[in-house]
Amino acid sequence: MRDIVYFFVFDGFADWEAALALCEIRRPGDYRVRAVGIDRRPVQSMGGLTVLPDLALDDIDDARAALLILPGGTAWERGEYAAITRTVQRLHAQGTAIGALCGGVLALARAGLLDAREHTANYAGYIETYVPEYTGTHRCDASALALMDDRVITAGGIGGIEFAREVIRLLNLYDARDTEAWYRLFKHAQPPPWLAPAIETLVN
């Protein structure tokens, strides 16, 4: 049973990018979220939060892994954390979905997951700048805030809401109507129709 979402944490990870996705994953109660690091030593996020990983990469339960999320951070541009490449390749080959935002997309390119799949990036040419072996330029739509193709979700650094929507769809957290209502609420501040009476009461 795939019921665990792993969230990779490292020194300088962008703590806000996947925040909405993580909250929605936990809300229905069907999935557990576990923070995974290179090892179990504490790390500090870009925003200054100290995070103690629940487990190390080697401790991931492949059979229960529903999704691995890689947040952004400048470490990816420096080519750090090469060990994640093997983990990404192994997990995806065994059926786990992989999601990445901002610089985390570079890890997917290094793992070869973007060469033949639709994906996005921070801007056109971003991946090529840091991953010379990448051959998926023709499959990259840098104008998209988030895309999903064959259990691979990619998002630019400003696509956190769109990334969360793709995660909601991937994990079947809500039906299509509620997913669209959720997106309109967080993206455009448009409350769903069924909340209108309650909002009207609060305003008045």
Protein backbone atom coordinates (compact mmCIF):
# COMPACT_ATOMS: atom_id res chain seq x y z
CA MET A 1 0.00 0.00 0.00
CA ARG A 2 1.50 3.32 -1.09
CA ASP A 3 0.54 5.64 1.75
CA ILE A 4 3.68 7.71 2.47
CA VAL A 5 4.75 10.97 0.85
CA TYR A 6 8.44 11.69 1.34
CA PHE A 7 9.63 15.30 1.41
CA PHE A 8 13.36 15.79 0.86
CA VAL A 9 14.94 18.34 3.22
CA PHE A 10 18.46 19.74 3.02
CA ASP A 11 20.36 22.85 4.07
CA GLY A 12 18.80 25.77 2.23
CA PHE A 13 15.65 24.04 0.96
CA ALA A 14 12.85 26.41 -0.06
CA ASP A 15 10.41 25.77 2.77
CA TRP A 16 7.42 27.62 1.31
CA GLU A 17 7.22 26.14 -2.17
CA ALA A 18 5.46 22.87 -1.33
CA ALA A 19 3.67 24.08 1.81
CA LEU A 20 0.17 24.01 0.33
CA ALA A 21 0.74 20.61 -1.22
CA LEU A 22 1.90 19.14 2.09
CA CYS A 23 -1.11 20.53 3.96
CA GLU A 24 -3.57 19.14 1.42
CA ILE A 25 -1.83 15.75 1.42
CA ARG A 26 -2.34 15.44 5.17
CA ARG A 27 -5.86 16.86 5.31
CA PRO A 28 -7.88 13.76 4.27
CA GLY A 29 -5.74 11.52 6.51
CA ASP A 30 -4.97 8.79 3.97
CA TYR A 31 -1.29 9.68 3.59
CA ARG A 32 1.60 10.22 5.96
CA VAL A 33 4.21 12.89 5.26
CA ARG A 34 7.78 12.05 6.24
CA ALA A 35 10.78 14.38 6.04
CA VAL A 36 13.77 12.60 4.54
CA GLY A 37 17.36 13.86 4.48
CA ILE A 38 20.68 12.63 3.16
CA ASP A 39 21.10 11.47 6.75
CA ARG A 40 19.29 12.21 10.01
CA ARG A 41 21.23 15.30 10.97
CA PRO A 42 19.20 18.55 11.38
CA VAL A 43 19.07 20.91 8.40
CA GLN A 44 18.10 24.55 8.11
CA SER A 45 15.64 25.77 5.51
CA MET A 46 16.03 28.90 3.41
CA GLY A 47 13.61 30.61 5.77
CA GLY A 48 15.70 29.71 8.82
CA LEU A 49 13.66 26.78 10.16
CA THR A 50 15.61 23.92 11.70
CA VAL A 51 14.21 20.57 10.58
CA LEU A 52 15.11 17.15 11.96
CA PRO A 53 14.56 14.54 9.22
CA ASP A 54 12.41 11.57 10.16
CA LEU A 55 14.70 9.27 8.21
CA ALA A 56 17.61 9.12 5.76
CA LEU A 57 17.42 8.35 2.04
CA ASP A 58 18.50 4.77 2.64
CA ASP A 59 15.54 4.25 4.99
CA ILE A 60 12.80 5.01 2.46
CA ASP A 61 10.22 2.23 2.23
CA ASP A 62 9.97 1.79 -1.54
CA ALA A 63 6.80 -0.30 -1.36
CA ARG A 64 4.92 2.38 0.60
CA ALA A 65 6.29 5.43 -1.25
CA ALA A 66 3.44 7.17 -3.08
CA LEU A 67 5.32 10.38 -3.87
CA LEU A 68 8.75 11.93 -3.35
CA ILE A 69 8.83 15.76 -3.36
CA LEU A 70 12.01 17.72 -4.04
CA PRO A 71 11.71 21.42 -3.12
CA GLY A 72 13.89 24.12 -4.61
CA GLY A 73 17.14 25.49 -3.24
CA THR A 74 20.41 26.80 -4.64
CA ALA A 75 22.16 23.54 -3.71
CA TRP A 76 20.68 21.96 -6.84
CA GLU A 77 22.38 24.55 -9.04
CA ARG A 78 25.70 23.74 -7.38
CA GLY A 79 25.22 20.07 -8.24
CA GLU A 80 25.00 18.92 -4.62
CA TYR A 81 23.18 15.83 -3.31
CA ALA A 82 24.11 13.49 -6.14
CA ALA A 83 22.81 10.59 -4.02
CA ILE A 84 19.25 11.71 -4.70
CA THR A 85 19.69 10.86 -8.40
CA ARG A 86 19.85 7.14 -7.73
CA THR A 87 16.93 7.36 -5.30
CA VAL A 88 14.78 9.19 -7.83
CA GLN A 89 15.58 6.68 -10.57
CA ARG A 90 14.90 3.68 -8.33
CA LEU A 91 11.65 4.95 -6.86
CA HIS A 92 10.15 6.05 -10.16
CA ALA A 93 11.07 2.73 -11.80
CA GLN A 94 9.19 0.96 -9.02
CA GLY A 95 6.01 3.04 -9.36
CA THR A 96 6.55 6.03 -7.08
CA ALA A 97 5.57 9.46 -8.38
CA ILE A 98 8.21 12.19 -8.22
CA GLY A 99 7.51 15.90 -7.84
CA ALA A 100 9.96 18.79 -7.97
CA LEU A 101 9.80 22.55 -7.81
CA CYS A 102 12.22 25.27 -8.91
CA GLY A 103 15.80 24.03 -8.62
CA GLY A 104 14.57 20.58 -7.63
CA VAL A 105 13.66 20.07 -11.29
CA LEU A 106 17.42 19.86 -11.98
CA ALA A 107 17.58 16.67 -9.92
CA LEU A 108 14.95 15.11 -12.17
CA ALA A 109 16.91 16.15 -15.26
CA ARG A 110 20.07 14.59 -13.82
CA ALA A 111 18.10 11.40 -13.21
CA GLY A 112 17.01 11.34 -16.86
CA LEU A 113 13.31 11.66 -16.08
CA LEU A 114 12.72 14.76 -18.20
CA ASP A 115 14.24 13.74 -21.51
CA ALA A 116 11.03 12.14 -22.80
CA ARG A 117 8.31 13.72 -20.61
CA GLU A 118 6.42 17.00 -20.71
CA HIS A 119 7.78 19.29 -18.01
CA THR A 120 8.41 22.88 -17.03
CA ALA A 121 11.23 24.86 -15.43
CA ASN A 122 11.97 28.28 -13.97
CA TYR A 123 12.60 29.72 -17.43
CA ALA A 124 13.54 28.57 -20.92
CA GLY A 125 17.12 27.33 -20.93
CA TYR A 126 17.29 26.94 -17.14
CA ILE A 127 17.87 23.19 -17.11
CA GLU A 128 20.44 23.29 -19.93
CA THR A 129 22.51 25.80 -17.94
CA TYR A 130 23.10 23.33 -15.11
CA VAL A 131 22.59 19.87 -16.64
CA PRO A 132 24.57 19.51 -19.88
CA GLU A 133 23.51 15.89 -20.36
CA TYR A 134 19.80 16.87 -20.44
CA THR A 135 18.15 16.26 -23.84
CA GLY A 136 14.54 17.18 -23.12
CA THR A 137 14.51 20.79 -24.33
CA HIS A 138 11.79 20.01 -26.90
CA ARG A 139 9.53 18.68 -24.12
CA CYS A 140 9.92 21.70 -21.83
CA ASP A 141 7.16 24.33 -21.64
CA ALA A 142 8.66 27.01 -19.42
CA SER A 143 5.46 29.09 -19.69
CA ALA A 144 3.55 26.48 -17.64
CA LEU A 145 3.58 26.91 -13.87
CA ALA A 146 3.28 23.15 -13.30
CA LEU A 147 2.96 20.04 -15.44
CA MET A 148 2.46 16.34 -14.79
CA ASP A 149 3.46 13.53 -17.17
CA ASP A 150 3.83 9.83 -16.33
CA ARG A 151 4.01 10.26 -12.54
CA VAL A 152 6.47 13.17 -12.81
CA ILE A 153 5.35 16.61 -11.59
CA THR A 154 7.45 19.69 -12.30
CA ALA A 155 6.85 23.31 -11.29
CA GLY A 156 8.70 26.59 -11.47
CA GLY A 157 9.59 28.53 -8.37
CA ILE A 158 6.34 30.54 -8.52
CA GLY A 159 4.15 27.52 -9.28
CA GLY A 160 3.48 26.29 -5.76
CA ILE A 161 -0.31 26.50 -6.06
CA GLU A 162 -0.29 24.74 -9.43
CA PHE A 163 2.10 22.13 -8.05
CA ALA A 164 -0.30 21.48 -5.17
CA ARG A 165 -3.19 21.08 -7.64
CA GLU A 166 -1.24 18.45 -9.58
CA VAL A 167 -0.47 16.61 -6.32
CA ILE A 168 -4.16 16.70 -5.40
CA ARG A 169 -4.99 15.17 -8.78
CA LEU A 170 -2.23 12.60 -8.62
CA LEU A 171 -3.19 11.33 -5.17
CA ASN A 172 -6.96 11.65 -5.78
CA LEU A 173 -7.34 13.78 -2.67
CA TYR A 174 -10.51 15.50 -3.92
CA ASP A 175 -12.91 15.03 -6.79
CA ALA A 176 -12.67 17.25 -9.87
CA ARG A 177 -15.24 19.77 -8.63
CA ASP A 178 -13.58 20.26 -5.24
CA THR A 179 -10.13 20.39 -6.80
CA GLU A 180 -11.19 23.21 -9.11
CA ALA A 181 -12.90 25.01 -6.22
CA TRP A 182 -9.75 24.65 -4.14
CA TYR A 183 -7.65 26.12 -6.94
CA ARG A 184 -9.94 29.12 -7.47
CA LEU A 185 -9.90 29.80 -3.75
CA PHE A 186 -6.13 29.80 -3.30
CA LYS A 187 -5.21 31.25 -6.71
CA HIS A 188 -7.93 33.85 -7.20
CA ALA A 189 -9.48 34.26 -3.72
CA GLN A 190 -12.82 33.04 -5.12
CA PRO A 191 -14.66 31.03 -2.44
CA PRO A 192 -16.69 28.04 -3.59
CA PRO A 193 -20.46 28.64 -3.97
CA TRP A 194 -21.33 26.49 -0.97
CA LEU A 195 -19.34 28.84 1.29
CA ALA A 196 -21.09 31.98 0.09
CA PRO A 197 -23.84 31.99 2.78
CA ALA A 198 -21.32 31.57 5.60
CA ILE A 199 -19.11 34.35 4.20
CA GLU A 200 -22.10 36.63 3.80
CA THR A 201 -23.01 36.06 7.45
CA LEU A 202 -19.46 36.88 8.59
CA VAL A 203 -19.30 40.06 6.52
CA ASN A 204 -22.62 41.32 7.76
